[in-house]
Amino acid sequence: MHIVVTGGTGMVGRNIKDVVLEHKDENNYHFLSSSDIDLTNRDAVLKFFNDKNYDYIIHLAANVGGLYKNISQNIEMFSSNIKINENVLEACHLNGIKRGIFCLSSCIYPANPSKFPMDETMIHESPPHPSNEGYAYSKRMLEVQCRHYNTSYGYNYYCVIPVNLYGKYDYFNLKNGHFIPMIMHRFYLSRKYDVFTAYGSGKPLRQFLYAKDFATIILGILLEYKDLPAEPIICCNDEEFTIKEVVYKLLDIMDLSKEKLSWLTNYSDGCMKKTVSNKKLMYICPGLKYDFTDMDSGLKETYDWFKQNYNNIRK
């Protein structure tokens, strides 16, 4: 069996590779990177897939970034991701790839939902938060596209919806990274000054998922649970923290002083709460029986890896 992984050299793709190697998986995986193919180029994508013989796909590739990248690049985030998704799905259809995982994000959910926690039925209930409108709508459209391929052609395209991901192989960019890798890197560089800054009020609530846990879930859905309804599935554990709580955990792990921390409250908080439910995941995949990595352990493992690989991390 041949499985193609787009975004294969990103954080989730590399964690999937780690899990595959640990389990000595006999499937033949092809981990694609941006240097292999420009997924926004339709002709290039169709030609590339036509020359291969893939059975399944794990579609992770996207133009992604943290809160402040989303705020400043809403148009670019929408446009590039729409192109990527359209090209990949067309290539799958034309080349007989009938089963796959397509990665969304919990940021697609309404900014002002009718209830918490939100579930899989509420994706299109009302508008997402304006801070990441471009990215959110492009991912909502991916869910719509997958749903119609499933109903029109009998495919099994599963849209998985992770909460905020973090872990080894993350993108530690100081400007466009996601919250945890960005602030971890900033604190690391600020050690010599013994002065640390965090953005916003620290009050927003967030759920986090260790990337290796997500990789395990993806492989389980794709390879073990062949009879699942081809519907969206939220992927998260039962933990939720304020941004301030996560920042304090990180300071403790990095052995830095909380007294030297200041909050720059002129920066946007983004969405204050976007709590989602893992009830469906736990119900339909009881046999996965994975033990979620708790936040303290996940942050420590991430920081240890970050320090050991600092000269080669994506930044």
Foldseek 3Di string as FASTA:
>chain_A
DEEEEEVLLADLNVLLVVVCVVVVPPYHYHRDYVVVDQLLDLVRLLVVLVVDQHQEYEYDDAPAFALQCLQVPLPVRQNSLLSNLVSNVVSCVVRVHQAYEYEAELQQFDLDDPDPPAEQVGSVVDQGFPSRRRNSVSRVVSQVVVVCCCVVPVGQYAYEYEWAEDFPQHAQDCRTHYDLSNQLVQVVVCVVVLAGEDEADQQAKGFYAYSSVVSLLRCCVRPPQPPDHSGYAYDGDPDMDGSNVLVVLLCVLVVGDPVRYDYHNVGDPTRRYNHHDRVVVCVRPVPSPDDTDDSSRRSNNRSVNCVVCVVPHND
